[in-house]
N, C-alpha and C. Protein backbone atom coordinates (compact mmCIF):
# COMPACT_ATOMS: atom_id res chain seq x y z
N MET A 1 -13.78 25.40 -41.17
CA MET A 1 -14.44 25.71 -39.92
C MET A 1 -14.28 24.53 -38.97
N THR A 2 -13.81 24.78 -37.78
CA THR A 2 -13.61 23.69 -36.82
C THR A 2 -14.79 23.58 -35.89
N ASP A 3 -15.05 22.38 -35.48
CA ASP A 3 -16.13 22.11 -34.54
C ASP A 3 -15.64 22.41 -33.14
N LYS A 4 -16.26 23.34 -32.48
CA LYS A 4 -15.85 23.74 -31.13
C LYS A 4 -16.76 23.15 -30.06
N THR A 5 -17.38 22.04 -30.39
CA THR A 5 -18.24 21.37 -29.44
C THR A 5 -17.39 20.79 -28.32
N ILE A 6 -17.81 21.06 -27.12
CA ILE A 6 -17.11 20.54 -25.95
C ILE A 6 -17.93 19.38 -25.41
N LYS A 7 -17.27 18.25 -25.26
CA LYS A 7 -17.95 17.09 -24.69
C LYS A 7 -17.87 17.17 -23.18
N PHE A 8 -18.99 16.95 -22.54
CA PHE A 8 -19.04 16.93 -21.09
C PHE A 8 -19.37 15.53 -20.65
N SER A 9 -18.55 15.00 -19.80
CA SER A 9 -18.77 13.64 -19.33
C SER A 9 -18.85 13.64 -17.81
N ILE A 10 -19.94 13.14 -17.29
CA ILE A 10 -20.08 13.04 -15.84
C ILE A 10 -18.99 12.15 -15.27
N LYS A 11 -18.64 11.10 -16.01
CA LYS A 11 -17.58 10.19 -15.56
C LYS A 11 -16.26 10.94 -15.42
N ASP A 12 -15.91 11.74 -16.42
CA ASP A 12 -14.68 12.52 -16.36
C ASP A 12 -14.70 13.50 -15.20
N GLU A 13 -15.83 14.15 -15.00
CA GLU A 13 -15.97 15.11 -13.91
C GLU A 13 -15.81 14.40 -12.56
N HIS A 14 -16.38 13.24 -12.44
CA HIS A 14 -16.27 12.48 -11.18
C HIS A 14 -14.83 12.06 -10.93
N GLU A 15 -14.16 11.60 -11.96
CA GLU A 15 -12.76 11.19 -11.80
C GLU A 15 -11.88 12.39 -11.46
N THR A 16 -12.21 13.56 -12.00
CA THR A 16 -11.49 14.78 -11.66
C THR A 16 -11.68 15.11 -10.18
N GLU A 17 -12.88 14.91 -9.68
CA GLU A 17 -13.16 15.17 -8.27
C GLU A 17 -12.41 14.17 -7.38
N VAL A 18 -12.34 12.92 -7.80
CA VAL A 18 -11.57 11.92 -7.05
C VAL A 18 -10.11 12.34 -7.00
N ARG A 19 -9.58 12.80 -8.13
CA ARG A 19 -8.18 13.25 -8.20
C ARG A 19 -7.95 14.42 -7.24
N ARG A 20 -8.86 15.40 -7.27
CA ARG A 20 -8.74 16.56 -6.36
C ARG A 20 -8.74 16.11 -4.90
N THR A 21 -9.60 15.18 -4.60
CA THR A 21 -9.70 14.68 -3.23
C THR A 21 -8.40 14.00 -2.82
N LEU A 22 -7.87 13.14 -3.68
CA LEU A 22 -6.62 12.45 -3.36
C LEU A 22 -5.46 13.43 -3.19
N VAL A 23 -5.43 14.45 -4.02
CA VAL A 23 -4.37 15.47 -3.90
C VAL A 23 -4.50 16.20 -2.56
N ALA A 24 -5.71 16.54 -2.17
CA ALA A 24 -5.93 17.21 -0.89
C ALA A 24 -5.51 16.33 0.28
N VAL A 25 -5.83 15.05 0.20
CA VAL A 25 -5.44 14.10 1.25
C VAL A 25 -3.93 13.95 1.28
N TYR A 26 -3.32 13.83 0.11
CA TYR A 26 -1.86 13.73 0.01
C TYR A 26 -1.19 14.94 0.66
N GLU A 27 -1.68 16.12 0.34
CA GLU A 27 -1.10 17.35 0.89
C GLU A 27 -1.27 17.42 2.41
N ALA A 28 -2.43 17.03 2.90
CA ALA A 28 -2.67 17.05 4.35
C ALA A 28 -1.72 16.09 5.07
N LEU A 29 -1.54 14.91 4.51
CA LEU A 29 -0.62 13.94 5.10
C LEU A 29 0.82 14.45 5.08
N SER A 30 1.21 15.08 3.98
CA SER A 30 2.56 15.65 3.87
C SER A 30 2.77 16.74 4.90
N GLU A 31 1.78 17.61 5.05
CA GLU A 31 1.88 18.71 6.02
C GLU A 31 2.07 18.20 7.44
N LYS A 32 1.50 17.06 7.73
CA LYS A 32 1.62 16.50 9.08
C LYS A 32 2.87 15.63 9.25
N GLY A 33 3.66 15.49 8.18
CA GLY A 33 4.92 14.76 8.28
C GLY A 33 4.83 13.27 8.01
N TYR A 34 3.70 12.82 7.50
CA TYR A 34 3.54 11.40 7.16
C TYR A 34 4.07 11.12 5.76
N ASN A 35 4.31 9.84 5.47
CA ASN A 35 4.61 9.41 4.11
C ASN A 35 3.24 9.22 3.43
N PRO A 36 2.82 10.17 2.60
CA PRO A 36 1.45 10.12 2.08
C PRO A 36 1.13 8.89 1.25
N ILE A 37 2.08 8.43 0.46
CA ILE A 37 1.81 7.25 -0.37
C ILE A 37 1.55 6.03 0.51
N SER A 38 2.41 5.82 1.50
CA SER A 38 2.24 4.67 2.40
C SER A 38 0.91 4.75 3.15
N GLN A 39 0.56 5.94 3.59
CA GLN A 39 -0.68 6.11 4.35
C GLN A 39 -1.90 5.86 3.47
N ILE A 40 -1.88 6.38 2.25
CA ILE A 40 -3.02 6.18 1.35
C ILE A 40 -3.15 4.71 0.95
N VAL A 41 -2.02 4.06 0.68
CA VAL A 41 -2.05 2.63 0.35
C VAL A 41 -2.59 1.84 1.54
N GLY A 42 -2.14 2.17 2.73
CA GLY A 42 -2.65 1.50 3.93
C GLY A 42 -4.15 1.65 4.06
N TYR A 43 -4.63 2.85 3.80
CA TYR A 43 -6.08 3.09 3.85
C TYR A 43 -6.81 2.26 2.81
N ILE A 44 -6.30 2.27 1.57
CA ILE A 44 -6.96 1.53 0.49
C ILE A 44 -7.01 0.03 0.81
N LEU A 45 -5.91 -0.51 1.29
CA LEU A 45 -5.86 -1.95 1.58
C LEU A 45 -6.73 -2.35 2.76
N SER A 46 -6.77 -1.53 3.78
CA SER A 46 -7.47 -1.92 5.01
C SER A 46 -8.83 -1.27 5.20
N GLU A 47 -9.04 -0.15 4.52
CA GLU A 47 -10.21 0.70 4.71
C GLU A 47 -10.30 1.21 6.15
N ASP A 48 -9.17 1.25 6.82
CA ASP A 48 -9.08 1.79 8.18
C ASP A 48 -8.82 3.29 8.08
N PRO A 49 -9.79 4.12 8.47
CA PRO A 49 -9.65 5.56 8.29
C PRO A 49 -8.54 6.20 9.13
N THR A 50 -8.02 5.48 10.13
CA THR A 50 -6.97 6.07 10.96
C THR A 50 -5.65 6.21 10.20
N TYR A 51 -5.54 5.63 9.02
CA TYR A 51 -4.35 5.85 8.18
C TYR A 51 -4.31 7.29 7.66
N ILE A 52 -5.47 7.94 7.66
CA ILE A 52 -5.58 9.29 7.11
C ILE A 52 -5.79 10.28 8.25
N THR A 53 -5.00 11.34 8.22
CA THR A 53 -5.08 12.38 9.24
C THR A 53 -6.42 13.13 9.16
N THR A 54 -6.81 13.70 10.28
CA THR A 54 -8.00 14.56 10.28
C THR A 54 -7.63 15.99 9.88
N HIS A 55 -6.34 16.27 9.75
CA HIS A 55 -5.85 17.59 9.35
C HIS A 55 -6.50 18.01 8.03
N ASN A 56 -6.99 19.22 7.99
CA ASN A 56 -7.65 19.76 6.79
C ASN A 56 -8.82 18.89 6.31
N ASN A 57 -9.44 18.19 7.24
CA ASN A 57 -10.62 17.37 6.95
C ASN A 57 -10.33 16.22 5.98
N ALA A 58 -9.06 15.79 5.90
CA ALA A 58 -8.65 14.77 4.93
C ALA A 58 -9.37 13.44 5.15
N ARG A 59 -9.54 13.04 6.39
CA ARG A 59 -10.19 11.75 6.65
C ARG A 59 -11.62 11.75 6.15
N SER A 60 -12.32 12.82 6.41
CA SER A 60 -13.70 12.94 5.94
C SER A 60 -13.76 12.96 4.42
N LEU A 61 -12.83 13.64 3.79
CA LEU A 61 -12.80 13.71 2.33
C LEU A 61 -12.58 12.34 1.70
N VAL A 62 -11.59 11.60 2.20
CA VAL A 62 -11.25 10.32 1.58
C VAL A 62 -12.36 9.29 1.78
N ARG A 63 -13.12 9.43 2.83
CA ARG A 63 -14.19 8.46 3.08
C ARG A 63 -15.37 8.64 2.14
N ARG A 64 -15.40 9.75 1.41
CA ARG A 64 -16.46 9.99 0.43
C ARG A 64 -16.23 9.19 -0.86
N ILE A 65 -15.01 8.71 -1.04
CA ILE A 65 -14.66 7.97 -2.25
C ILE A 65 -14.88 6.48 -2.02
N ASP A 66 -15.61 5.86 -2.93
CA ASP A 66 -15.79 4.41 -2.87
C ASP A 66 -14.45 3.74 -3.15
N ARG A 67 -14.03 2.89 -2.26
CA ARG A 67 -12.71 2.26 -2.37
C ARG A 67 -12.55 1.43 -3.64
N ASP A 68 -13.54 0.65 -4.00
CA ASP A 68 -13.46 -0.16 -5.23
C ASP A 68 -13.36 0.73 -6.46
N GLU A 69 -14.15 1.79 -6.47
CA GLU A 69 -14.10 2.72 -7.59
C GLU A 69 -12.73 3.40 -7.66
N LEU A 70 -12.18 3.75 -6.52
CA LEU A 70 -10.85 4.36 -6.47
C LEU A 70 -9.80 3.42 -7.05
N LEU A 71 -9.85 2.16 -6.69
CA LEU A 71 -8.90 1.19 -7.24
C LEU A 71 -9.05 1.07 -8.75
N GLN A 72 -10.27 1.06 -9.24
CA GLN A 72 -10.50 0.99 -10.68
C GLN A 72 -9.89 2.20 -11.39
N ILE A 73 -10.13 3.38 -10.84
CA ILE A 73 -9.59 4.60 -11.44
C ILE A 73 -8.06 4.57 -11.43
N LEU A 74 -7.48 4.15 -10.33
CA LEU A 74 -6.02 4.10 -10.22
C LEU A 74 -5.40 3.12 -11.22
N VAL A 75 -6.01 1.95 -11.37
CA VAL A 75 -5.48 0.95 -12.31
C VAL A 75 -5.62 1.45 -13.74
N LYS A 76 -6.79 2.02 -14.08
CA LYS A 76 -6.98 2.56 -15.43
C LYS A 76 -5.98 3.68 -15.71
N GLU A 77 -5.77 4.54 -14.74
CA GLU A 77 -4.82 5.65 -14.91
C GLU A 77 -3.40 5.12 -15.08
N TYR A 78 -3.04 4.14 -14.29
CA TYR A 78 -1.70 3.56 -14.37
C TYR A 78 -1.45 2.91 -15.74
N LEU A 79 -2.47 2.23 -16.24
CA LEU A 79 -2.36 1.56 -17.53
C LEU A 79 -2.59 2.50 -18.71
N GLY A 80 -3.10 3.70 -18.44
CA GLY A 80 -3.33 4.68 -19.49
C GLY A 80 -4.48 4.33 -20.40
N ILE A 81 -5.53 3.72 -19.83
CA ILE A 81 -6.69 3.35 -20.64
C ILE A 81 -7.93 4.05 -20.10
N ASP A 82 -8.94 4.16 -20.97
CA ASP A 82 -10.21 4.79 -20.56
C ASP A 82 -11.17 3.77 -20.05
């Protein structure tokens, strides 16, 4: 008999929401013809919201994410650690 217990983690759910937000911002920037990676990096480094388009409410979405927390998530994801 296998244990079918599903673990629910608020941390995992939050990181999933951050991922969804970044994907939405990436797509909005792409739709407007920007280089999304350069624009997102510019935003992260400067915290200047004008790097992010207002198209599809992307600027408002990205401002909901704490920049320091975003950097932590990105580094952990890049390194493949929890």
